[in-house]
């Protein structure tokens, strides 16, 4: 049995519509990975990822050091529910990737303080935190030193939610493009062993993403929603009733604004429209899907309401980014597709 070097799927030459298909008997990569690597062309979508119970059960059975990869930009969506229970007594190092997407004003110390604060609130313990990004392969040497110190001859399992940056991280550790890495979630499809500097690393399938906008949009719209370079904050001053439309994906209504501001941290390709809150319903209903795009596949929305009682609060929309709201604002109402999660947290910046 031969597996694809890119995604770990078993290679086969009989069914072009199934995973692992390659037209060449001696190919190292399946056709899906080949087209992703060379043409950024997704032939078989797997964006939901793999059932977390299946992945975590297989990880629990192995005696290994665990590198938990989490996307700093989409941190809340990257949390694995019940990880302390499901991976009890395991040595876990968190690798926080895509640091280069966060604004330069967000220093490493501030990021670390934020991560440990959130993990404490969630009751999650880790051995160590390492920040990583593609920029100058940040974190690579620190990860290798950490592995040498903590692995004690054990294999190293790399796990995380789909689209967390696992495959890109492993390629950086290897020093070449071996695994398939793309913006599409669900690239790695099975457990895949790789030898790096005499250490066995095991790449695992991306754990299923739930409650994320990435699951509610078409594959074509991923390139609009997912940022590709350092986020430039978009700053708005607020007074009275204000509403913001994030394309046609989400909406935030702010009431009772006085000496307040809203700063958006989202993809450079995603347009934010600000309007008077008194006319928000009319504009949203009239222009959603035409002026306000992209839109989710399922248009039914739900609301989250928050009574602001702190100076600064982040309103996080899973898969999209966040808005930092500061100053005097009475209530914040968030409208998102019914399956998308929203978190109100202490501001990261």
C-alpha atoms as a PDB file:
ATOM      1  CA  UNK A   1       0.000   0.000   0.000  1.00  0.00           C
ATOM      2  CA  UNK A   2       1.402   3.391  -1.059  1.00  0.00           C
ATOM      3  CA  UNK A   3       0.206   6.646   0.464  1.00  0.00           C
ATOM      4  CA  UNK A   4       0.224  10.142  -0.980  1.00  0.00           C
ATOM      5  CA  UNK A   5       3.145  12.210   0.360  1.00  0.00           C
ATOM      6  CA  UNK A   6       0.923  15.280   0.365  1.00  0.00           C
ATOM      7  CA  UNK A   7      -2.208  14.262   2.252  1.00  0.00           C
ATOM      8  CA  UNK A   8      -1.683  10.690   3.501  1.00  0.00           C
ATOM      9  CA  UNK A   9      -4.495   9.147   1.456  1.00  0.00           C
ATOM     10  CA  UNK A  10      -3.954   5.663   0.010  1.00  0.00           C
ATOM     11  CA  UNK A  11      -3.007   6.023  -3.666  1.00  0.00           C
ATOM     12  CA  UNK A  12      -5.233   4.296  -6.220  1.00  0.00           C
ATOM     13  CA  UNK A  13      -5.584   4.407 -10.022  1.00  0.00           C
ATOM     14  CA  UNK A  14      -9.118   3.071 -10.515  1.00  0.00           C
ATOM     15  CA  UNK A  15     -11.628   5.736  -9.381  1.00  0.00           C
ATOM     16  CA  UNK A  16     -11.008   9.363 -10.483  1.00  0.00           C
ATOM     17  CA  UNK A  17     -13.818  10.608  -8.212  1.00  0.00           C
ATOM     18  CA  UNK A  18     -12.415   9.026  -5.034  1.00  0.00           C
ATOM     19  CA  UNK A  19      -9.684  10.244  -2.695  1.00  0.00           C
ATOM     20  CA  UNK A  20      -6.136   9.109  -3.447  1.00  0.00           C
ATOM     21  CA  UNK A  21      -6.651   8.870  -7.227  1.00  0.00           C
ATOM     22  CA  UNK A  22      -3.642   9.270  -9.501  1.00  0.00           C
ATOM     23  CA  UNK A  23      -3.457   8.451 -13.223  1.00  0.00           C
ATOM     24  CA  UNK A  24       0.193   7.363 -12.848  1.00  0.00           C
ATOM     25  CA  UNK A  25       1.208   4.107 -11.190  1.00  0.00           C
ATOM     26  CA  UNK A  26       4.489   5.490  -9.778  1.00  0.00           C
ATOM     27  CA  UNK A  27       3.207   8.885  -8.623  1.00  0.00           C
ATOM     28  CA  UNK A  28       4.157  10.182  -5.152  1.00  0.00           C
ATOM     29  CA  UNK A  29       1.133  12.493  -4.970  1.00  0.00           C
ATOM     30  CA  UNK A  30      -2.558  11.969  -5.637  1.00  0.00           C
ATOM     31  CA  UNK A  31      -4.139  14.070  -8.373  1.00  0.00           C
ATOM     32  CA  UNK A  32      -5.928  16.229  -5.789  1.00  0.00           C
ATOM     33  CA  UNK A  33      -2.641  17.217  -4.110  1.00  0.00           C
ATOM     34  CA  UNK A  34      -0.847  17.678  -7.431  1.00  0.00           C
ATOM     35  CA  UNK A  35      -3.467  20.156  -8.632  1.00  0.00           C
ATOM     36  CA  UNK A  36      -3.557  21.966  -5.286  1.00  0.00           C
ATOM     37  CA  UNK A  37       0.240  22.360  -5.236  1.00  0.00           C
ATOM     38  CA  UNK A  38       0.686  23.448  -8.847  1.00  0.00           C
ATOM     39  CA  UNK A  39      -2.611  25.115  -9.805  1.00  0.00           C
ATOM     40  CA  UNK A  40      -4.387  25.946  -6.491  1.00  0.00           C
ATOM     41  CA  UNK A  41      -7.251  23.896  -7.945  1.00  0.00           C
ATOM     42  CA  UNK A  42      -9.472  22.014  -5.481  1.00  0.00           C
ATOM     43  CA  UNK A  43     -10.884  18.943  -7.246  1.00  0.00           C
ATOM     44  CA  UNK A  44     -12.427  17.196  -4.201  1.00  0.00           C
ATOM     45  CA  UNK A  45     -13.585  19.463  -1.344  1.00  0.00           C
ATOM     46  CA  UNK A  46     -13.014  18.191   2.205  1.00  0.00           C
ATOM     47  CA  UNK A  47     -13.312  21.479   4.051  1.00  0.00           C
ATOM     48  CA  UNK A  48     -15.173  20.194   7.091  1.00  0.00           C
ATOM     49  CA  UNK A  49     -12.202  18.153   8.284  1.00  0.00           C
ATOM     50  CA  UNK A  50     -12.378  14.817  10.105  1.00  0.00           C
ATOM     51  CA  UNK A  51     -14.550  13.812  13.084  1.00  0.00           C
ATOM     52  CA  UNK A  52     -12.604  14.970  16.185  1.00  0.00           C
ATOM     53  CA  UNK A  53     -13.482  11.872  18.210  1.00  0.00           C
ATOM     54  CA  UNK A  54     -11.820   9.635  15.618  1.00  0.00           C
ATOM     55  CA  UNK A  55      -8.648  11.737  15.456  1.00  0.00           C
ATOM     56  CA  UNK A  56      -8.353  12.275  19.225  1.00  0.00           C
ATOM     57  CA  UNK A  57      -8.937   8.587  19.989  1.00  0.00           C
ATOM     58  CA  UNK A  58      -6.057   7.582  17.706  1.00  0.00           C
ATOM     59  CA  UNK A  59      -3.843  10.257  19.273  1.00  0.00           C
ATOM     60  CA  UNK A  60      -4.760   9.130  22.803  1.00  0.00           C
ATOM     61  CA  UNK A  61      -3.606   5.595  21.975  1.00  0.00           C
ATOM     62  CA  UNK A  62      -0.078   6.739  21.041  1.00  0.00           C
ATOM     63  CA  UNK A  63       2.761   7.511  23.448  1.00  0.00           C
ATOM     64  CA  UNK A  64       3.898  10.763  21.881  1.00  0.00           C
ATOM     65  CA  UNK A  65       4.651  14.439  22.393  1.00  0.00           C
ATOM     66  CA  UNK A  66       1.777  16.482  20.972  1.00  0.00           C
ATOM     67  CA  UNK A  67       2.185  19.730  19.057  1.00  0.00           C
ATOM     68  CA  UNK A  68      -1.226  21.402  19.016  1.00  0.00           C
ATOM     69  CA  UNK A  69      -1.326  23.815  16.080  1.00  0.00           C
ATOM     70  CA  UNK A  70      -3.770  26.700  16.402  1.00  0.00           C
ATOM     71  CA  UNK A  71      -4.389  29.659  14.090  1.00  0.00           C
ATOM     72  CA  UNK A  72      -3.840  32.921  16.009  1.00  0.00           C
ATOM     73  CA  UNK A  73      -6.090  34.851  13.653  1.00  0.00           C
ATOM     74  CA  UNK A  74      -8.957  32.380  14.152  1.00  0.00           C
ATOM     75  CA  UNK A  75      -8.028  31.369  17.715  1.00  0.00           C
ATOM     76  CA  UNK A  76     -11.524  30.795  19.149  1.00  0.00           C
ATOM     77  CA  UNK A  77     -12.518  28.458  16.309  1.00  0.00           C
ATOM     78  CA  UNK A  78      -9.270  26.526  16.828  1.00  0.00           C
ATOM     79  CA  UNK A  79     -10.088  25.490  20.393  1.00  0.00           C
ATOM     80  CA  UNK A  80     -10.725  21.732  20.639  1.00  0.00           C
ATOM     81  CA  UNK A  81     -13.577  21.147  23.062  1.00  0.00           C
ATOM     82  CA  UNK A  82     -12.799  18.664  25.830  1.00  0.00           C
ATOM     83  CA  UNK A  83      -9.111  18.384  24.938  1.00  0.00           C
ATOM     84  CA  UNK A  84      -8.019  18.141  28.583  1.00  0.00           C
ATOM     85  CA  UNK A  85     -10.338  15.175  29.123  1.00  0.00           C
ATOM     86  CA  UNK A  86      -9.746  13.444  25.796  1.00  0.00           C
ATOM     87  CA  UNK A  87      -5.954  13.807  25.944  1.00  0.00           C
ATOM     88  CA  UNK A  88      -5.482  13.478  29.694  1.00  0.00           C
ATOM     89  CA  UNK A  89      -1.881  13.140  30.923  1.00  0.00           C
ATOM     90  CA  UNK A  90      -0.444  13.991  27.499  1.00  0.00           C
ATOM     91  CA  UNK A  91       2.439  16.424  27.010  1.00  0.00           C
ATOM     92  CA  UNK A  92       0.997  19.218  24.859  1.00  0.00           C
ATOM     93  CA  UNK A  93       2.931  22.100  23.305  1.00  0.00           C
ATOM     94  CA  UNK A  94       0.831  24.761  21.577  1.00  0.00           C
ATOM     95  CA  UNK A  95       2.168  26.081  18.270  1.00  0.00           C
ATOM     96  CA  UNK A  96       0.335  29.341  17.523  1.00  0.00           C
ATOM     97  CA  UNK A  97       0.666  29.852  13.768  1.00  0.00           C
ATOM     98  CA  UNK A  98       0.034  32.725  11.350  1.00  0.00           C
ATOM     99  CA  UNK A  99       1.536  35.250  13.730  1.00  0.00           C
ATOM    100  CA  UNK A 100       2.420  37.295  10.609  1.00  0.00           C
ATOM    101  CA  UNK A 101      -1.299  37.938  10.007  1.00  0.00           C
ATOM    102  CA  UNK A 102      -1.662  39.904  13.250  1.00  0.00           C
ATOM    103  CA  UNK A 103      -0.784  43.629  13.188  1.00  0.00           C
ATOM    104  CA  UNK A 104       2.802  44.536  14.068  1.00  0.00           C
ATOM    105  CA  UNK A 105       1.464  46.511  17.056  1.00  0.00           C
ATOM    106  CA  UNK A 106       0.565  43.161  18.617  1.00  0.00           C
ATOM    107  CA  UNK A 107       3.912  42.123  20.102  1.00  0.00           C
ATOM    108  CA  UNK A 108       4.919  38.597  21.078  1.00  0.00           C
ATOM    109  CA  UNK A 109       4.563  39.288  24.801  1.00  0.00           C
ATOM    110  CA  UNK A 110       1.031  40.625  24.330  1.00  0.00           C
ATOM    111  CA  UNK A 111       0.073  37.611  22.186  1.00  0.00           C
ATOM    112  CA  UNK A 112       1.446  35.153  24.769  1.00  0.00           C
ATOM    113  CA  UNK A 113      -0.389  36.929  27.579  1.00  0.00           C
ATOM    114  CA  UNK A 114      -3.622  36.741  25.582  1.00  0.00           C
ATOM    115  CA  UNK A 115      -3.217  33.022  24.774  1.00  0.00           C
ATOM    116  CA  UNK A 116      -2.462  31.968  28.349  1.00  0.00           C
ATOM    117  CA  UNK A 117      -5.314  34.115  29.649  1.00  0.00           C
ATOM    118  CA  UNK A 118      -7.812  32.486  27.267  1.00  0.00           C
ATOM    119  CA  UNK A 119      -6.529  28.972  28.030  1.00  0.00           C
ATOM    120  CA  UNK A 120      -6.880  29.633  31.760  1.00  0.00           C
ATOM    121  CA  UNK A 121     -10.477  30.791  31.242  1.00  0.00           C
ATOM    122  CA  UNK A 122     -11.154  27.607  29.250  1.00  0.00           C
ATOM    123  CA  UNK A 123      -9.464  25.311  31.794  1.00  0.00           C
ATOM    124  CA  UNK A 124      -6.786  24.122  29.345  1.00  0.00           C
ATOM    125  CA  UNK A 125      -3.184  23.464  30.355  1.00  0.00           C
ATOM    126  CA  UNK A 126      -0.186  23.255  28.015  1.00  0.00           C
ATOM    127  CA  UNK A 127       3.516  22.576  28.565  1.00  0.00           C
ATOM    128  CA  UNK A 128       4.747  25.418  26.403  1.00  0.00           C
ATOM    129  CA  UNK A 129       3.690  28.033  23.839  1.00  0.00           C
ATOM    130  CA  UNK A 130       5.630  28.721  20.639  1.00  0.00           C
ATOM    131  CA  UNK A 131       4.673  31.400  18.105  1.00  0.00           C
ATOM    132  CA  UNK A 132       5.174  30.533  14.445  1.00  0.00           C
ATOM    133  CA  UNK A 133       4.653  32.011  10.992  1.00  0.00           C
ATOM    134  CA  UNK A 134       5.862  31.667   7.408  1.00  0.00           C
ATOM    135  CA  UNK A 135       7.739  34.949   7.755  1.00  0.00           C
ATOM    136  CA  UNK A 136      11.393  33.867   7.885  1.00  0.00           C
ATOM    137  CA  UNK A 137      10.050  30.503   9.119  1.00  0.00           C
ATOM    138  CA  UNK A 138       9.502  31.967  12.569  1.00  0.00           C
ATOM    139  CA  UNK A 139       9.454  29.359  15.345  1.00  0.00           C
ATOM    140  CA  UNK A 140      11.112  26.508  13.423  1.00  0.00           C
ATOM    141  CA  UNK A 141      14.328  26.318  15.445  1.00  0.00           C
ATOM    142  CA  UNK A 142      12.455  26.836  18.731  1.00  0.00           C
ATOM    143  CA  UNK A 143      10.108  23.956  17.878  1.00  0.00           C
ATOM    144  CA  UNK A 144      13.021  21.633  17.058  1.00  0.00           C
ATOM    145  CA  UNK A 145      14.768  22.540  20.328  1.00  0.00           C
ATOM    146  CA  UNK A 146      11.521  21.951  22.240  1.00  0.00           C
ATOM    147  CA  UNK A 147      11.057  18.555  20.570  1.00  0.00           C
ATOM    148  CA  UNK A 148      14.620  17.513  21.442  1.00  0.00           C
ATOM    149  CA  UNK A 149      14.000  18.523  25.045  1.00  0.00           C
ATOM    150  CA  UNK A 150      10.538  17.030  25.619  1.00  0.00           C
ATOM    151  CA  UNK A 151      10.049  14.112  23.226  1.00  0.00           C
ATOM    152  CA  UNK A 152      12.408  11.667  25.025  1.00  0.00           C
ATOM    153  CA  UNK A 153      12.639   9.479  21.938  1.00  0.00           C
ATOM    154  CA  UNK A 154       8.881   9.433  21.379  1.00  0.00           C
ATOM    155  CA  UNK A 155       7.244  10.352  18.066  1.00  0.00           C
ATOM    156  CA  UNK A 156       5.782  13.835  17.720  1.00  0.00           C
ATOM    157  CA  UNK A 157       2.121  14.179  16.758  1.00  0.00           C
ATOM    158  CA  UNK A 158       1.037  17.376  15.028  1.00  0.00           C
ATOM    159  CA  UNK A 159      -2.674  18.027  15.430  1.00  0.00           C
ATOM    160  CA  UNK A 160      -5.157  20.880  15.086  1.00  0.00           C
ATOM    161  CA  UNK A 161      -8.341  22.037  13.430  1.00  0.00           C
ATOM    162  CA  UNK A 162      -8.628  22.007   9.640  1.00  0.00           C
ATOM    163  CA  UNK A 163      -6.896  25.054   8.116  1.00  0.00           C
ATOM    164  CA  UNK A 164      -4.789  25.691  11.237  1.00  0.00           C
ATOM    165  CA  UNK A 165      -1.533  25.596   9.257  1.00  0.00           C
ATOM    166  CA  UNK A 166      -0.248  22.124  10.172  1.00  0.00           C
ATOM    167  CA  UNK A 167       1.022  21.129   6.734  1.00  0.00           C
ATOM    168  CA  UNK A 168       2.724  24.487   6.173  1.00  0.00           C
ATOM    169  CA  UNK A 169       4.422  24.160   9.566  1.00  0.00           C
ATOM    170  CA  UNK A 170       5.734  20.673   8.748  1.00  0.00           C
ATOM    171  CA  UNK A 171       7.033  21.872   5.381  1.00  0.00           C
ATOM    172  CA  UNK A 172       8.910  24.633   7.213  1.00  0.00           C
ATOM    173  CA  UNK A 173      10.373  22.049   9.621  1.00  0.00           C
ATOM    174  CA  UNK A 174      11.447  19.886   6.682  1.00  0.00           C
ATOM    175  CA  UNK A 175      12.737  22.856   4.716  1.00  0.00           C
ATOM    176  CA  UNK A 176      10.870  21.993   1.509  1.00  0.00           C
ATOM    177  CA  UNK A 177       7.356  21.656   0.091  1.00  0.00           C
ATOM    178  CA  UNK A 178       6.640  17.976   0.784  1.00  0.00           C
ATOM    179  CA  UNK A 179       3.133  18.050   2.262  1.00  0.00           C
ATOM    180  CA  UNK A 180       0.232  19.642   0.441  1.00  0.00           C
ATOM    181  CA  UNK A 181      -0.498  23.026   1.991  1.00  0.00           C
ATOM    182  CA  UNK A 182      -3.276  25.301   0.780  1.00  0.00           C
ATOM    183  CA  UNK A 183      -5.883  27.759   2.005  1.00  0.00           C
ATOM    184  CA  UNK A 184      -8.544  25.039   1.669  1.00  0.00           C
ATOM    185  CA  UNK A 185      -9.429  23.314   4.967  1.00  0.00           C
ATOM    186  CA  UNK A 186      -9.206  19.517   5.079  1.00  0.00           C
ATOM    187  CA  UNK A 187      -6.030  19.101   3.016  1.00  0.00           C
ATOM    188  CA  UNK A 188      -4.494  16.283   5.107  1.00  0.00           C
ATOM    189  CA  UNK A 189      -6.731  13.209   5.017  1.00  0.00           C
ATOM    190  CA  UNK A 190      -4.979  10.540   7.108  1.00  0.00           C
ATOM    191  CA  UNK A 191      -2.142  10.024   9.604  1.00  0.00           C
ATOM    192  CA  UNK A 192       1.110  10.611   7.745  1.00  0.00           C
ATOM    193  CA  UNK A 193       4.570   9.802   9.188  1.00  0.00           C
ATOM    194  CA  UNK A 194       7.547  11.963   8.230  1.00  0.00           C
ATOM    195  CA  UNK A 195      11.157  11.698   9.392  1.00  0.00           C
ATOM    196  CA  UNK A 196      12.714  15.081  10.194  1.00  0.00           C
ATOM    197  CA  UNK A 197      16.256  15.183  11.565  1.00  0.00           C
ATOM    198  CA  UNK A 198      15.889  11.644  12.898  1.00  0.00           C
ATOM    199  CA  UNK A 199      12.597  12.387  14.688  1.00  0.00           C
ATOM    200  CA  UNK A 200       9.314  10.794  13.593  1.00  0.00           C
ATOM    201  CA  UNK A 201       6.621  13.428  13.137  1.00  0.00           C
ATOM    202  CA  UNK A 202       3.041  12.313  12.534  1.00  0.00           C
ATOM    203  CA  UNK A 203       0.841  14.712  10.581  1.00  0.00           C
ATOM    204  CA  UNK A 204      -2.836  14.157  11.382  1.00  0.00           C
ATOM    205  CA  UNK A 205      -6.034  15.048   9.513  1.00  0.00           C
ATOM    206  CA  UNK A 206      -7.449  18.465  10.316  1.00  0.00           C
ATOM    207  CA  UNK A 207     -10.054  18.108  13.058  1.00  0.00           C
ATOM    208  CA  UNK A 208     -13.528  19.064  11.984  1.00  0.00           C
ATOM    209  CA  UNK A 209     -14.337  22.768  12.100  1.00  0.00           C
ATOM    210  CA  UNK A 210     -17.716  23.542  13.612  1.00  0.00           C
ATOM    211  CA  UNK A 211     -19.534  26.854  14.034  1.00  0.00           C
ATOM    212  CA  UNK A 212     -17.252  28.577  11.517  1.00  0.00           C
ATOM    213  CA  UNK A 213     -18.146  30.870   8.628  1.00  0.00           C
ATOM    214  CA  UNK A 214     -15.711  28.807   6.533  1.00  0.00           C
ATOM    215  CA  UNK A 215     -18.285  26.024   6.580  1.00  0.00           C
ATOM    216  CA  UNK A 216     -21.067  28.354   5.454  1.00  0.00           C
ATOM    217  CA  UNK A 217     -19.544  29.773   2.283  1.00  0.00           C
ATOM    218  CA  UNK A 218     -18.640  28.348  -1.132  1.00  0.00           C
ATOM    219  CA  UNK A 219     -15.115  27.136  -1.836  1.00  0.00           C
ATOM    220  CA  UNK A 220     -14.705  30.038  -4.282  1.00  0.00           C
ATOM    221  CA  UNK A 221     -15.351  32.594  -1.516  1.00  0.00           C
ATOM    222  CA  UNK A 222     -12.616  31.238   0.770  1.00  0.00           C
ATOM    223  CA  UNK A 223     -10.042  33.404  -1.013  1.00  0.00           C
ATOM    224  CA  UNK A 224     -12.093  36.487  -0.055  1.00  0.00           C
ATOM    225  CA  UNK A 225     -12.617  35.579   3.605  1.00  0.00           C
ATOM    226  CA  UNK A 226      -9.195  34.116   4.492  1.00  0.00           C
ATOM    227  CA  UNK A 227      -6.470  36.784   4.876  1.00  0.00           C
ATOM    228  CA  UNK A 228      -3.186  36.319   3.031  1.00  0.00           C
ATOM    229  CA  UNK A 229      -1.106  39.154   4.502  1.00  0.00           C
ATOM    230  CA  UNK A 230      -0.748  41.198   7.687  1.00  0.00           C
ATOM    231  CA  UNK A 231      -4.103  42.612   8.735  1.00  0.00           C
ATOM    232  CA  UNK A 232      -4.502  46.384   8.474  1.00  0.00           C
ATOM    233  CA  UNK A 233      -6.966  47.547  11.133  1.00  0.00           C
ATOM    234  CA  UNK A 234      -9.981  49.470   9.847  1.00  0.00           C
ATOM    235  CA  UNK A 235     -10.936  52.166  12.363  1.00  0.00           C
ATOM    236  CA  UNK A 236     -14.380  53.777  12.720  1.00  0.00           C
ATOM    237  CA  UNK A 237     -15.504  56.431  15.209  1.00  0.00           C
ATOM    238  CA  UNK A 238     -18.987  55.833  16.629  1.00  0.00           C
ATOM    239  CA  UNK A 239     -21.863  58.028  17.736  1.00  0.00           C
ATOM    240  CA  UNK A 240     -25.528  57.204  18.270  1.00  0.00           C
ATOM    241  CA  UNK A 241     -26.863  54.131  16.429  1.00  0.00           C
ATOM    242  CA  UNK A 242     -24.383  52.390  14.127  1.00  0.00           C
ATOM    243  CA  UNK A 243     -24.405  49.199  12.067  1.00  0.00           C
ATOM    244  CA  UNK A 244     -21.674  47.357  10.180  1.00  0.00           C
ATOM    245  CA  UNK A 245     -22.125  44.847   7.361  1.00  0.00           C
ATOM    246  CA  UNK A 246     -19.243  42.402   6.719  1.00  0.00           C
ATOM    247  CA  UNK A 247     -19.952  41.705   3.073  1.00  0.00           C
ATOM    248  CA  UNK A 248     -23.238  39.848   3.141  1.00  0.00           C
ATOM    249  CA  UNK A 249     -21.939  37.405   5.754  1.00  0.00           C
ATOM    250  CA  UNK A 250     -22.491  39.095   9.095  1.00  0.00           C
ATOM    251  CA  UNK A 251     -23.835  42.253  10.674  1.00  0.00           C
ATOM    252  CA  UNK A 252     -23.149  44.073  13.952  1.00  0.00           C
ATOM    253  CA  UNK A 253     -25.563  46.647  15.394  1.00  0.00           C
ATOM    254  CA  UNK A 254     -24.253  49.035  18.075  1.00  0.00           C
ATOM    255  CA  UNK A 255     -26.661  51.126  20.134  1.00  0.00           C
ATOM    256  CA  UNK A 256     -26.041  54.089  22.430  1.00  0.00           C
ATOM    257  CA  UNK A 257     -22.568  54.891  21.107  1.00  0.00           C
ATOM    258  CA  UNK A 258     -20.782  57.878  22.671  1.00  0.00           C
ATOM    259  CA  UNK A 259     -17.059  58.620  22.316  1.00  0.00           C
ATOM    260  CA  UNK A 260     -16.641  55.080  21.056  1.00  0.00           C
ATOM    261  CA  UNK A 261     -14.745  53.322  18.281  1.00  0.00           C
ATOM    262  CA  UNK A 262     -14.870  50.057  16.333  1.00  0.00           C
ATOM    263  CA  UNK A 263     -11.708  48.556  14.847  1.00  0.00           C
ATOM    264  CA  UNK A 264     -12.066  45.678  12.382  1.00  0.00           C
ATOM    265  CA  UNK A 265      -9.452  42.927  11.945  1.00  0.00           C
ATOM    266  CA  UNK A 266     -10.485  40.954   8.861  1.00  0.00           C
ATOM    267  CA  UNK A 267      -9.223  39.908   5.410  1.00  0.00           C
ATOM    268  CA  UNK A 268      -8.051  42.685   3.119  1.00  0.00           C
ATOM    269  CA  UNK A 269     -10.472  41.387   0.478  1.00  0.00           C
ATOM    270  CA  UNK A 270     -13.573  41.529   2.698  1.00  0.00           C
ATOM    271  CA  UNK A 271     -15.484  44.824   2.559  1.00  0.00           C
ATOM    272  CA  UNK A 272     -16.958  46.436   5.700  1.00  0.00           C
ATOM    273  CA  UNK A 273     -19.873  48.826   5.152  1.00  0.00           C
ATOM    274  CA  UNK A 274     -20.871  51.241   7.937  1.00  0.00           C
ATOM    275  CA  UNK A 275     -24.369  52.733   8.055  1.00  0.00           C
ATOM    276  CA  UNK A 276     -26.761  54.555  10.380  1.00  0.00           C
ATOM    277  CA  UNK A 277     -28.326  51.916  12.604  1.00  0.00           C
ATOM    278  CA  UNK A 278     -31.801  53.389  12.141  1.00  0.00           C
ATOM    279  CA  UNK A 279     -31.745  52.357   8.464  1.00  0.00           C
ATOM    280  CA  UNK A 280     -29.782  49.124   8.806  1.00  0.00           C
ATOM    281  CA  UNK A 281     -32.668  46.691   8.258  1.00  0.00           C
ATOM    282  CA  UNK A 282     -33.717  48.422   5.060  1.00  0.00           C
ATOM    283  CA  UNK A 283     -30.224  48.531   3.563  1.00  0.00           C
ATOM    284  CA  UNK A 284     -29.377  44.959   4.631  1.00  0.00           C
ATOM    285  CA  UNK A 285     -32.526  43.499   3.113  1.00  0.00           C
ATOM    286  CA  UNK A 286     -32.224  45.562  -0.068  1.00  0.00           C
ATOM    287  CA  UNK A 287     -28.544  45.117  -0.898  1.00  0.00           C
ATOM    288  CA  UNK A 288     -27.459  41.811   0.621  1.00  0.00           C
ATOM    289  CA  UNK A 289     -26.269  39.585  -2.195  1.00  0.00           C
ATOM    290  CA  UNK A 290     -25.725  42.490  -4.634  1.00  0.00           C
ATOM    291  CA  UNK A 291     -23.796  45.358  -3.030  1.00  0.00           C
ATOM    292  CA  UNK A 292     -22.998  43.318   0.079  1.00  0.00           C
ATOM    293  CA  UNK A 293     -21.117  40.160  -0.943  1.00  0.00           C
ATOM    294  CA  UNK A 294     -20.138  37.379  -0.477  1.00  0.00           C
ATOM    295  CA  UNK A 295     -23.103  35.730   1.180  1.00  0.00           C
ATOM    296  CA  UNK A 296     -23.336  32.414   3.043  1.00  0.00           C
ATOM    297  CA  UNK A 297     -24.952  29.413   1.408  1.00  0.00           C
ATOM    298  CA  UNK A 298     -27.641  29.336   4.116  1.00  0.00           C
ATOM    299  CA  UNK A 299     -29.161  32.805   4.516  1.00  0.00           C
ATOM    300  CA  UNK A 300     -31.073  32.137   7.751  1.00  0.00           C
ATOM    301  CA  UNK A 301     -29.520  34.207  10.555  1.00  0.00           C
ATOM    302  CA  UNK A 302     -29.461  34.204  14.345  1.00  0.00           C
ATOM    303  CA  UNK A 303     -28.587  36.902  16.872  1.00  0.00           C
ATOM    304  CA  UNK A 304     -26.127  37.239  19.756  1.00  0.00           C
ATOM    305  CA  UNK A 305     -26.670  40.177  22.125  1.00  0.00           C
ATOM    306  CA  UNK A 306     -24.093  41.564  24.551  1.00  0.00           C
ATOM    307  CA  UNK A 307     -24.450  44.381  27.081  1.00  0.00           C
ATOM    308  CA  UNK A 308     -21.046  46.022  27.099  1.00  0.00           C
ATOM    309  CA  UNK A 309     -19.677  46.488  30.626  1.00  0.00           C
ATOM    310  CA  UNK A 310     -15.947  46.838  29.987  1.00  0.00           C
ATOM    311  CA  UNK A 311     -13.809  49.446  28.263  1.00  0.00           C
ATOM    312  CA  UNK A 312     -12.728  47.239  25.331  1.00  0.00           C
ATOM    313  CA  UNK A 313     -14.224  44.034  24.021  1.00  0.00           C
ATOM    314  CA  UNK A 314     -13.494  41.864  20.979  1.00  0.00           C
ATOM    315  CA  UNK A 315     -16.474  40.540  19.046  1.00  0.00           C
ATOM    316  CA  UNK A 316     -15.120  37.414  17.334  1.00  0.00           C
ATOM    317  CA  UNK A 317     -16.942  35.842  14.389  1.00  0.00           C
ATOM    318  CA  UNK A 318     -15.521  32.355  13.842  1.00  0.00           C
ATOM    319  CA  UNK A 319     -13.817  32.086  10.461  1.00  0.00           C
ATOM    320  CA  UNK A 320     -14.025  35.810   9.692  1.00  0.00           C
ATOM    321  CA  UNK A 321     -12.019  37.788  12.260  1.00  0.00           C
ATOM    322  CA  UNK A 322     -13.046  40.233  14.945  1.00  0.00           C
ATOM    323  CA  UNK A 323     -14.078  43.785  15.780  1.00  0.00           C
ATOM    324  CA  UNK A 324     -12.623  45.541  18.832  1.00  0.00           C
ATOM    325  CA  UNK A 325     -15.217  47.891  20.329  1.00  0.00           C
ATOM    326  CA  UNK A 326     -14.143  50.469  22.899  1.00  0.00           C
ATOM    327  CA  UNK A 327     -15.733  53.419  24.658  1.00  0.00           C
ATOM    328  CA  UNK A 328     -19.348  53.896  25.640  1.00  0.00           C
ATOM    329  CA  UNK A 329     -21.633  51.436  23.830  1.00  0.00           C
ATOM    330  CA  UNK A 330     -24.810  50.159  25.473  1.00  0.00           C
ATOM    331  CA  UNK A 331     -25.550  46.997  23.510  1.00  0.00           C
ATOM    332  CA  UNK A 332     -23.900  44.961  20.764  1.00  0.00           C
ATOM    333  CA  UNK A 333     -26.084  42.750  18.566  1.00  0.00           C
ATOM    334  CA  UNK A 334     -24.401  40.340  16.158  1.00  0.00           C
ATOM    335  CA  UNK A 335     -26.240  38.702  13.237  1.00  0.00           C
ATOM    336  CA  UNK A 336     -24.570  35.621  11.718  1.00  0.00           C
ATOM    337  CA  UNK A 337     -25.677  32.457   9.909  1.00  0.00           C
ATOM    338  CA  UNK A 338     -27.371  30.096  12.361  1.00  0.00           C
ATOM    339  CA  UNK A 339     -24.404  27.673  12.539  1.00  0.00           C
ATOM    340  CA  UNK A 340     -21.664  30.286  13.078  1.00  0.00           C
ATOM    341  CA  UNK A 341     -20.174  30.909  16.526  1.00  0.00           C
ATOM    342  CA  UNK A 342     -19.596  34.333  18.111  1.00  0.00           C
ATOM    343  CA  UNK A 343     -17.359  35.011  21.127  1.00  0.00           C
ATOM    344  CA  UNK A 344     -17.212  38.154  23.272  1.00  0.00           C
ATOM    345  CA  UNK A 345     -13.774  38.300  24.874  1.00  0.00           C
ATOM    346  CA  UNK A 346     -11.332  40.683  26.538  1.00  0.00           C
ATOM    347  CA  UNK A 347      -9.596  42.627  23.762  1.00  0.00           C
ATOM    348  CA  UNK A 348      -6.394  41.086  22.421  1.00  0.00           C
ATOM    349  CA  UNK A 349      -5.051  44.560  21.496  1.00  0.00           C
END
